Amino acid sequence: MAVEETDVVVIGLGPGGENAAGLLADGGLSVVAVEERLVGGECPYYACVPTKMMVRAAGLLAEARRVPGMAGDTDVRPAWEPVAARIRDEATDSWDDAVAVERLTARGIGFVRGRGLLTAPREVTVGDRVFRARRGVLLNTGTAPAVPPIDGLAGTPYWTNREAVQAKEAPASLLVLGGGVVGVEFAQVFARFGTRVTIVQGGDRLLEREEPEASALLEKVFATEGIEVRTGAKVTRVGHDDDAFTLHTPDGTLTAERLLVATGRRPNLGGLGLDAVGLDENARALEVDDRLRVTDGLWAIGDITGKGAFTHVSMYQSAIAARSILGADGPAASYHAVPRVTFTDPEIGVVGLTEAEARDRGLAVATGHAELADSSRGWIHKVGNEGFVKLVEDTGRGVLVGATVAGPSGGEIVAALSVAVHAEVPTATLRTMITAYPTFHRALESALADLGS
């Protein structure tokens, strides 16, 4: 079998892999990009983009329902078809990546459809083609939905995020297995379109990674919207017939038309040929240095590095890895101020460490808290003004190491705090900052004043 020479092979073309391939090609290298599924990855077809279209549509319904008593009367009649049509036509081209492939090849990148397999250091086999990479190989294979081994689940037509975004209608009822980000976002979306939703969460609270205050707020809001939340619930068996799914728990059974499995993600590392380059085939993540190098001639970015399963992290890493491969100077990777957003209503924006994470690291911690409803803008906003700001300070250094903003546009408001955490701005300096009146940002002043009080 003839070997094809190139400078770099990129396996996996999610946003980071596609961006890195482009940067390397722009830098003068010959690049072969390999993708088994859709160019663009999970984000534009099954995650970030289509789900936020769903969130936007559901938010419009919620705002319309808030009109009575504030601005008149409304008669809200949800319709799912416009949402499905927008996802199909505007976001995904009916899950066709022809435009994305053309965007890639227009930059001079060789594209190969198939499963890339590491068969030797700096060597990748795709079907009957073998590529030898002079500079090396970049991995960006991402994750897939993790499905728990519950008795009776396999073989049933359950949904993951991939099926949920392709739904042509909102189901009459939905069981959501898992109370993490994916679970709570889909739960609220479908509930606002008239679906009877029950979340079944094995842990003690929703969004277990986030501040307990965020979990409590979300559960309170969900109760007002008719979303049932079952925490500490262990599912022992799943049943399915033509009409419904049934979840069996020690406390009884739950039944619904559809079942969404939202119990996390697993890295796409199995069957990649890691053993051919001296790595563990069963690894949960690839250990990388601050230039995203795994070993000589091999780099990795994105979810498989264990640095945060977010598109923005993959994009951030892609530029660093490209510079490393090109031999260019630039800042090393740093993850002390990674932001994340849960796109529920209230929206939950987080940067850096939670209070518990900071204490686990042995930091001397002070926290500051402010309710958005107590701010002038919150009072003006009135309906839908639930939320808070929580700050986490390392008192030893006098800087913020984390923050959470829950409420209207929480993911936007947290941007100011992301700058503070990233640049390690002293809290004494933040207290001198002027925030515009009357904005939700004014609550930051109250939270700063509450620090250590």
Protein backbone atom coordinates (compact mmCIF):
# COMPACT_ATOMS: atom_id res chain seq x y z
CA MET A 1 0.00 0.00 0.00
CA ALA A 2 1.47 3.37 -1.05
CA VAL A 3 2.09 5.91 1.67
CA GLU A 4 0.95 9.51 1.10
CA GLU A 5 3.20 12.19 2.58
CA THR A 6 1.88 15.34 4.26
CA ASP A 7 2.96 17.72 7.00
CA VAL A 8 0.06 17.27 9.42
CA VAL A 9 -2.93 14.97 9.76
CA VAL A 10 -5.88 16.27 11.79
CA ILE A 11 -8.27 13.58 13.02
CA GLY A 12 -11.63 14.98 14.06
CA LEU A 13 -13.13 18.15 12.63
CA GLY A 14 -15.16 19.68 15.38
CA PRO A 15 -14.76 23.46 15.65
CA GLY A 16 -11.26 23.22 17.13
CA GLY A 17 -10.00 20.65 14.65
CA GLU A 18 -11.36 22.60 11.71
CA ASN A 19 -9.85 25.82 13.01
CA ALA A 20 -6.47 24.22 13.66
CA ALA A 21 -6.41 22.68 10.18
CA GLY A 22 -7.08 26.10 8.69
CA LEU A 23 -4.40 27.82 10.77
CA LEU A 24 -1.84 25.18 9.81
CA ALA A 25 -2.71 25.48 6.13
CA ASP A 26 -2.51 29.27 6.37
CA GLY A 27 0.92 28.78 7.95
CA GLY A 28 2.15 27.03 4.81
CA LEU A 29 1.86 23.40 5.84
CA SER A 30 0.18 20.64 3.84
CA VAL A 31 -2.74 19.31 5.86
CA VAL A 32 -4.94 16.24 5.56
CA ALA A 33 -8.14 16.48 7.62
CA VAL A 34 -10.05 13.31 8.52
CA GLU A 35 -13.65 13.14 9.73
CA GLU A 36 -15.88 10.09 10.11
CA ARG A 37 -19.09 12.01 10.79
CA LEU A 38 -19.97 15.64 10.00
CA VAL A 39 -17.39 18.38 9.45
CA GLY A 40 -18.05 20.89 12.22
CA GLY A 41 -18.63 18.24 14.85
CA GLU A 42 -21.32 18.02 17.51
CA CYS A 43 -21.68 21.74 18.18
CA PRO A 44 -23.32 23.05 14.97
CA TYR A 45 -25.43 19.97 14.27
CA TYR A 46 -26.52 18.47 17.59
CA ALA A 47 -25.47 20.74 20.44
CA CYS A 48 -24.58 24.42 20.88
CA VAL A 49 -26.27 25.95 17.85
CA PRO A 50 -29.52 24.00 17.40
CA THR A 51 -30.16 23.73 21.13
CA LYS A 52 -29.79 27.49 21.55
CA MET A 53 -32.29 27.97 18.74
CA MET A 54 -34.63 25.83 20.82
CA VAL A 55 -33.83 27.86 23.95
CA ARG A 56 -34.48 31.12 22.09
CA ALA A 57 -37.87 29.89 20.88
CA ALA A 58 -38.83 28.65 24.34
CA GLY A 59 -37.73 31.96 25.83
CA LEU A 60 -40.03 33.86 23.51
CA LEU A 61 -42.95 31.77 24.76
CA ALA A 62 -41.97 32.45 28.37
CA GLU A 63 -41.72 36.19 27.79
CA ALA A 64 -45.11 36.21 26.07
CA ARG A 65 -46.62 34.49 29.11
CA ARG A 66 -45.17 37.23 31.35
CA VAL A 67 -47.06 39.99 29.57
CA PRO A 68 -50.30 39.85 31.66
CA GLY A 69 -50.10 42.30 34.53
CA MET A 70 -47.12 44.03 32.92
CA ALA A 71 -48.12 45.11 29.43
CA GLY A 72 -51.52 43.76 28.45
CA ASP A 73 -52.88 40.30 27.67
CA THR A 74 -51.62 37.42 25.56
CA ASP A 75 -52.89 34.17 24.14
CA VAL A 76 -49.84 31.91 23.72
CA ARG A 77 -50.18 28.87 21.47
CA PRO A 78 -46.86 27.02 21.07
CA ALA A 79 -45.93 25.47 17.72
CA TRP A 80 -42.86 23.28 17.32
CA GLU A 81 -42.73 23.16 13.53
CA PRO A 82 -41.07 26.61 13.10
CA VAL A 83 -38.38 25.56 15.56
CA ALA A 84 -37.74 22.27 13.76
CA ALA A 85 -37.71 24.06 10.40
CA ARG A 86 -35.19 26.64 11.57
CA ILE A 87 -32.85 23.96 12.92
CA ARG A 88 -33.19 21.94 9.72
CA ASP A 89 -32.88 24.80 7.22
CA GLU A 90 -30.76 27.48 8.90
CA ALA A 91 -28.46 25.55 11.22
CA THR A 92 -27.82 22.09 9.84
CA ASP A 93 -28.81 21.96 6.13
CA SER A 94 -30.74 18.84 7.12
CA TRP A 95 -27.56 17.50 8.74
CA ASP A 96 -25.54 17.82 5.56
CA ASP A 97 -21.97 19.15 5.85
CA ALA A 98 -21.31 19.94 2.16
CA VAL A 99 -20.88 23.65 2.91
CA ALA A 100 -18.46 22.91 5.76
CA VAL A 101 -16.40 20.55 3.58
CA GLU A 102 -16.20 23.18 0.86
CA ARG A 103 -15.12 25.77 3.43
CA LEU A 104 -12.33 23.42 4.47
CA THR A 105 -11.07 22.48 1.03
CA ALA A 106 -11.20 26.11 -0.13
CA ARG A 107 -8.30 26.74 2.25
CA GLY A 108 -6.19 24.12 0.49
CA ILE A 109 -6.81 21.35 3.01
CA GLY A 110 -7.13 17.76 1.86
CA PHE A 111 -10.30 16.19 3.21
CA VAL A 112 -10.81 12.47 3.78
CA ARG A 113 -14.09 11.00 4.95
CA GLY A 114 -13.57 8.02 7.21
CA ARG A 115 -12.28 6.80 10.55
CA GLY A 116 -8.70 7.78 11.22
CA LEU A 117 -6.56 5.15 12.93
CA LEU A 118 -3.10 5.70 14.42
CA THR A 119 -1.01 2.86 13.03
CA ALA A 120 2.47 4.12 13.96
CA PRO A 121 4.06 7.33 15.24
CA ARG A 122 3.15 10.12 12.75
CA GLU A 123 1.15 7.64 10.67
CA VAL A 124 -2.62 7.56 10.12
CA THR A 125 -4.61 4.98 8.18
CA VAL A 126 -8.06 5.79 6.81
CA GLY A 127 -9.60 2.80 5.06
CA ASP A 128 -7.13 1.77 2.36
CA ARG A 129 -5.12 5.02 2.52
CA VAL A 130 -2.04 5.58 4.67
CA PHE A 131 -0.75 9.06 5.51
CA ARG A 132 2.66 9.85 6.97
CA ALA A 133 2.80 13.21 8.74
CA ARG A 134 6.19 14.88 8.75
CA ARG A 135 5.30 17.32 11.55
CA GLY A 136 2.79 15.14 13.35
CA VAL A 137 -0.83 14.31 14.08
CA LEU A 138 -3.46 16.42 15.84
CA LEU A 139 -6.36 14.63 17.55
CA ASN A 140 -9.73 16.29 18.08
CA THR A 141 -12.10 13.33 18.26
CA GLY A 142 -14.49 14.79 20.86
CA THR A 143 -17.10 12.89 22.82
CA ALA A 144 -20.32 10.98 22.32
CA PRO A 145 -23.37 10.60 24.58
CA ALA A 146 -22.71 8.27 27.49
CA VAL A 147 -25.53 5.77 27.93
CA PRO A 148 -25.69 3.94 31.28
CA PRO A 149 -26.02 0.12 31.31
CA ILE A 150 -29.53 0.09 32.77
CA ASP A 151 -31.46 -3.13 32.34
CA GLY A 152 -33.86 -2.86 29.41
CA LEU A 153 -32.52 0.41 27.98
CA ALA A 154 -30.44 -0.95 25.11
CA GLY A 155 -32.39 -1.40 21.93
CA THR A 156 -35.17 1.02 22.83
CA PRO A 157 -35.72 4.22 20.79
CA TYR A 158 -34.53 6.56 23.54
CA TRP A 159 -33.27 10.02 22.69
CA THR A 160 -29.88 11.54 23.28
CA ASN A 161 -29.20 15.18 22.38
CA ARG A 162 -28.76 14.06 18.77
CA GLU A 163 -32.31 12.75 18.43
CA ALA A 164 -33.84 15.52 20.52
CA VAL A 165 -32.64 18.30 18.21
CA GLN A 166 -34.10 16.40 15.25
CA ALA A 167 -37.55 16.12 16.85
CA LYS A 168 -40.31 17.08 14.43
CA GLU A 169 -42.79 17.69 17.23
CA ALA A 170 -42.77 18.24 20.96
CA PRO A 171 -43.81 15.02 22.72
CA ALA A 172 -46.81 14.96 25.02
CA SER A 173 -44.60 13.77 27.88
CA LEU A 174 -40.87 13.34 28.44
CA LEU A 175 -38.69 11.64 31.02
CA VAL A 176 -35.22 13.19 31.27
CA LEU A 177 -32.61 10.87 32.73
CA GLY A 178 -29.92 13.13 34.14
CA GLY A 179 -29.98 16.60 35.68
CA GLY A 180 -26.85 18.10 34.19
CA VAL A 181 -26.61 20.88 31.64
CA VAL A 182 -28.05 18.91 28.72
CA GLY A 183 -30.90 17.52 30.78
CA VAL A 184 -32.07 20.79 32.31
CA GLU A 185 -31.86 22.75 29.06
CA PHE A 186 -33.96 20.26 27.11
CA ALA A 187 -36.36 19.83 30.01
CA GLN A 188 -37.25 23.51 30.14
CA VAL A 189 -37.44 23.87 26.37
CA PHE A 190 -39.92 21.06 25.89
CA ALA A 191 -41.93 22.01 28.99
CA ARG A 192 -42.47 25.49 27.57
CA PHE A 193 -43.84 23.88 24.42
CA GLY A 194 -46.44 22.00 26.43
CA THR A 195 -44.62 18.75 27.19
CA ARG A 196 -45.15 17.21 30.61
CA VAL A 197 -41.55 16.78 31.83
CA THR A 198 -40.03 14.83 34.69
CA ILE A 199 -36.29 14.97 35.42
CA VAL A 200 -34.86 11.86 37.07
CA GLN A 201 -31.54 12.72 38.68
CA GLY A 202 -29.39 10.19 40.51
CA GLY A 203 -27.50 12.86 42.44
CA ASP A 204 -28.74 15.02 45.27
CA ARG A 205 -29.40 18.09 43.13
CA LEU A 206 -29.51 19.46 39.61
CA LEU A 207 -26.28 20.83 38.10
CA GLU A 208 -24.14 19.14 40.73
CA ARG A 209 -20.97 20.81 39.48
CA GLU A 210 -22.35 24.31 40.06
CA GLU A 211 -23.00 26.28 43.22
CA PRO A 212 -25.78 24.82 45.40
CA GLU A 213 -27.55 28.17 45.18
CA ALA A 214 -27.85 27.73 41.41
CA SER A 215 -29.33 24.25 41.83
CA ALA A 216 -31.86 25.48 44.40
CA LEU A 217 -32.89 28.41 42.21
CA LEU A 218 -33.37 26.22 39.16
CA GLU A 219 -35.45 23.66 41.06
CA LYS A 220 -37.64 26.48 42.40
CA VAL A 221 -38.18 27.92 38.92
CA PHE A 222 -38.83 24.48 37.43
CA ALA A 223 -41.52 23.86 40.04
CA THR A 224 -43.34 27.03 38.98
CA GLU A 225 -43.16 25.88 35.35
CA GLY A 226 -44.60 22.46 36.09
CA ILE A 227 -41.36 20.51 35.64
CA GLU A 228 -41.14 17.67 38.14
CA VAL A 229 -37.67 17.00 39.56
CA ARG A 230 -36.83 13.67 41.21
CA THR A 231 -33.38 13.79 42.83
CA GLY A 232 -31.61 10.86 44.47
CA ALA A 233 -33.52 8.59 42.11
CA LYS A 234 -31.96 5.30 41.04
CA VAL A 235 -33.38 3.74 37.89
CA THR A 236 -33.24 -0.05 38.07
CA ARG A 237 -34.94 -0.95 34.82
CA VAL A 238 -36.36 0.61 31.66
CA GLY A 239 -39.43 -0.67 29.90
CA HIS A 240 -40.75 0.31 26.49
CA ASP A 241 -43.76 -0.52 24.36
CA ASP A 242 -45.36 1.12 21.35
CA ASP A 243 -46.83 3.94 23.40
CA ALA A 244 -44.46 4.78 26.23
CA PHE A 245 -41.28 4.39 28.22
CA THR A 246 -41.40 3.26 31.84
CA LEU A 247 -38.64 3.88 34.36
CA HIS A 248 -38.61 1.57 37.36
CA THR A 249 -37.21 3.00 40.60
CA PRO A 250 -37.31 1.78 44.22
CA ASP A 251 -40.04 4.40 44.80
CA GLY A 252 -42.27 3.30 41.94
CA THR A 253 -42.56 3.76 38.19
CA LEU A 254 -42.54 6.78 35.90
CA THR A 255 -44.05 6.74 32.43
CA ALA A 256 -43.81 9.07 29.44
CA GLU A 257 -44.02 9.08 25.66
CA ARG A 258 -40.32 9.81 25.22
CA LEU A 259 -37.11 9.23 27.17
CA LEU A 260 -34.11 11.54 26.90
CA VAL A 261 -30.85 10.06 28.19
CA ALA A 262 -28.66 12.95 29.34
CA THR A 263 -26.19 11.23 31.65
CA GLY A 264 -22.96 12.77 30.40
CA ARG A 265 -20.45 12.24 27.63
CA ARG A 266 -17.68 9.73 26.90
CA PRO A 267 -14.46 10.53 25.05
CA ASN A 268 -14.02 9.14 21.55
CA LEU A 269 -10.67 7.48 22.24
CA GLY A 270 -11.50 3.80 21.90
CA GLY A 271 -10.42 2.16 18.66
CA LEU A 272 -8.24 5.12 17.74
CA GLY A 273 -5.02 3.09 17.81
CA LEU A 274 -3.48 4.81 20.83
CA ASP A 275 -1.48 1.68 21.61
CA ALA A 276 0.40 2.15 18.32
CA VAL A 277 1.93 5.31 19.76
CA GLY A 278 2.50 3.96 23.26
CA LEU A 279 -0.66 5.32 24.91
CA ASP A 280 -3.44 3.67 26.92
CA GLU A 281 -6.40 2.64 24.76
CA ASN A 282 -8.67 2.85 27.81
CA ALA A 283 -7.72 6.38 28.83
CA ARG A 284 -10.53 8.72 29.83
CA ALA A 285 -8.52 11.68 28.57
CA LEU A 286 -5.16 12.40 26.98
CA GLU A 287 -2.65 14.19 29.17
CA VAL A 288 -1.27 17.22 27.33
CA ASP A 289 1.35 19.81 28.18
CA ASP A 290 0.73 23.56 28.06
CA ARG A 291 1.29 23.47 24.27
CA LEU A 292 -1.23 20.63 23.82
CA ARG A 293 1.48 18.08 23.04
CA VAL A 294 0.73 14.50 24.09
CA THR A 295 4.02 12.98 22.99
CA ASP A 296 6.55 13.55 20.25
CA GLY A 297 4.67 14.21 17.01
CA LEU A 298 1.23 14.00 18.60
CA TRP A 299 -1.04 16.81 19.83
CA ALA A 300 -4.61 16.76 21.16
CA ILE A 301 -7.28 19.40 21.68
CA GLY A 302 -10.89 19.58 22.77
CA ASP A 303 -12.96 17.32 24.97
CA ILE A 304 -10.43 14.47 24.92
CA THR A 305 -7.92 16.57 26.87
CA GLY A 306 -10.18 16.74 29.92
CA LYS A 307 -9.85 20.52 30.17
CA GLY A 308 -13.54 21.25 29.71
CA ALA A 309 -15.99 19.91 27.16
CA PHE A 310 -16.76 23.28 25.58
CA THR A 311 -16.44 24.57 22.04
CA HIS A 312 -14.66 27.68 23.31
CA VAL A 313 -12.00 25.58 25.04
CA SER A 314 -11.39 23.56 21.88
CA MET A 315 -11.10 26.75 19.82
CA TYR A 316 -8.72 28.26 22.38
CA GLN A 317 -6.57 25.14 22.37
CA SER A 318 -6.59 24.92 18.57
CA ALA A 319 -4.65 28.16 18.20
CA ILE A 320 -2.07 27.08 20.79
CA ALA A 321 -1.61 23.66 19.20
CA ALA A 322 -1.27 25.20 15.74
CA ARG A 323 1.43 27.55 16.98
CA SER A 324 3.22 24.63 18.61
CA ILE A 325 3.15 22.59 15.40
CA LEU A 326 4.28 25.59 13.35
CA GLY A 327 7.06 26.38 15.80
CA ALA A 328 5.67 29.84 16.49
CA ASP A 329 5.83 31.76 19.75
CA GLY A 330 2.79 32.56 21.85
CA PRO A 331 1.16 32.17 25.26
CA ALA A 332 0.87 28.72 26.80
CA ALA A 333 -2.49 27.23 27.74
CA SER A 334 -4.05 28.32 31.02
CA TYR A 335 -7.38 27.17 32.40
CA HIS A 336 -7.89 29.21 35.58
CA ALA A 337 -10.67 31.34 34.06
CA VAL A 338 -12.69 29.00 31.85
CA PRO A 339 -16.28 30.25 31.52
CA ARG A 340 -19.34 28.05 31.07
CA VAL A 341 -23.03 28.77 30.67
CA THR A 342 -26.17 26.74 31.27
CA PHE A 343 -28.78 28.20 28.92
CA THR A 344 -31.83 27.79 31.12
CA ASP A 345 -34.04 30.63 32.31
CA PRO A 346 -32.59 31.85 34.61
CA GLU A 347 -29.34 31.58 32.67
CA ILE A 348 -26.39 30.40 34.75
CA GLY A 349 -22.99 31.81 33.86
CA VAL A 350 -19.91 30.56 35.71
CA VAL A 351 -16.21 31.31 35.51
CA GLY A 352 -13.33 29.68 37.35
CA LEU A 353 -13.88 27.84 40.63
CA THR A 354 -16.97 27.30 42.73
CA GLU A 355 -16.71 27.88 46.46
CA ALA A 356 -16.36 24.14 47.11
CA GLU A 357 -13.66 23.75 44.45
CA ALA A 358 -11.71 26.67 45.90
CA ARG A 359 -11.88 25.24 49.42
CA ASP A 360 -10.86 21.81 48.13
CA ARG A 361 -7.70 23.43 46.78
CA GLY A 362 -6.87 24.71 50.24
CA LEU A 363 -7.47 28.37 49.46
CA ALA A 364 -8.51 30.88 52.10
CA VAL A 365 -11.96 31.72 50.77
CA ALA A 366 -14.42 34.57 51.19
CA THR A 367 -17.70 34.77 49.31
CA GLY A 368 -19.95 37.66 48.34
CA HIS A 369 -23.61 37.37 47.38
CA ALA A 370 -26.22 39.66 45.91
CA GLU A 371 -29.77 38.99 44.71
CA LEU A 372 -30.58 40.35 41.26
CA ALA A 373 -34.12 41.13 42.35
CA ASP A 374 -32.72 43.56 44.93
CA SER A 375 -30.94 45.60 42.24
CA SER A 376 -32.72 48.52 40.60
CA ARG A 377 -32.76 46.70 37.27
CA GLY A 378 -34.12 43.58 38.92
CA TRP A 379 -36.93 45.58 40.52
CA ILE A 380 -37.71 47.21 37.17
CA HIS A 381 -37.60 43.83 35.38
CA LYS A 382 -40.05 42.34 37.89
CA VAL A 383 -41.36 39.06 36.41
CA GLY A 384 -38.55 36.66 35.55
CA ASN A 385 -36.03 38.54 37.70
CA GLU A 386 -34.93 35.56 39.79
CA GLY A 387 -31.18 35.30 40.14
CA PHE A 388 -28.04 36.16 42.05
CA VAL A 389 -24.35 36.98 41.85
CA LYS A 390 -21.90 34.94 43.89
CA LEU A 391 -18.21 35.79 44.07
CA VAL A 392 -15.42 33.53 45.33
CA GLU A 393 -12.28 35.31 46.52
CA ASP A 394 -8.86 33.95 47.38
CA THR A 395 -8.27 36.21 50.38
CA GLY A 396 -4.61 35.30 50.48
CA ARG A 397 -4.06 37.08 47.17
CA GLY A 398 -7.05 39.40 47.24
CA VAL A 399 -8.35 38.26 43.84
CA LEU A 400 -11.44 36.51 42.56
CA VAL A 401 -10.93 32.87 41.59
CA GLY A 402 -14.53 32.19 40.63
CA ALA A 403 -17.96 33.68 40.13
CA THR A 404 -21.51 32.65 39.28
CA VAL A 405 -24.23 34.84 37.83
CA ALA A 406 -27.71 33.34 37.63
CA GLY A 407 -30.52 35.34 36.11
CA PRO A 408 -31.55 37.13 32.92
CA SER A 409 -28.50 37.14 30.60
CA GLY A 410 -26.36 35.53 33.31
CA GLY A 411 -23.94 34.25 30.67
CA GLU A 412 -23.41 37.79 29.39
CA ILE A 413 -23.06 39.43 32.81
CA VAL A 414 -20.41 36.91 33.88
CA ALA A 415 -18.15 38.19 31.08
CA ALA A 416 -17.01 41.10 33.26
CA LEU A 417 -16.12 38.66 36.00
CA SER A 418 -14.31 36.45 33.50
CA VAL A 419 -11.99 39.39 32.80
CA ALA A 420 -11.45 39.86 36.53
CA VAL A 421 -10.62 36.19 37.16
CA HIS A 422 -8.49 35.86 34.03
CA ALA A 423 -6.41 39.00 34.68
CA GLU A 424 -6.35 38.47 38.46
CA VAL A 425 -7.63 41.98 39.06
CA PRO A 426 -7.43 42.79 42.79
CA THR A 427 -10.83 42.92 44.45
CA ALA A 428 -9.80 46.28 45.88
CA THR A 429 -9.55 47.54 42.29
CA LEU A 430 -12.89 45.99 41.32
CA ARG A 431 -14.54 47.93 44.16
CA THR A 432 -13.49 51.18 42.44
CA MET A 433 -15.10 50.16 39.15
CA ILE A 434 -18.11 52.16 37.91
CA THR A 435 -21.06 50.07 36.69
CA ALA A 436 -23.79 51.65 34.60
CA TYR A 437 -27.15 52.38 36.20
CA PRO A 438 -29.65 50.74 36.01
CA THR A 439 -28.14 47.50 34.70
CA PHE A 440 -28.01 44.02 36.17
CA HIS A 441 -24.25 44.59 36.39
CA ARG A 442 -24.90 46.89 39.35
CA ALA A 443 -25.42 43.75 41.42
CA LEU A 444 -21.67 43.14 41.09
CA GLU A 445 -21.08 46.15 43.36
CA SER A 446 -23.38 44.69 46.01
CA ALA A 447 -21.68 41.29 45.81
CA LEU A 448 -18.24 42.92 46.13
CA ALA A 449 -19.44 44.87 49.16
CA ASP A 450 -20.66 41.61 50.69
CA LEU A 451 -17.28 39.88 50.28
CA GLY A 452 -16.00 38.86 53.67
CA SER A 453 -18.71 40.76 55.54
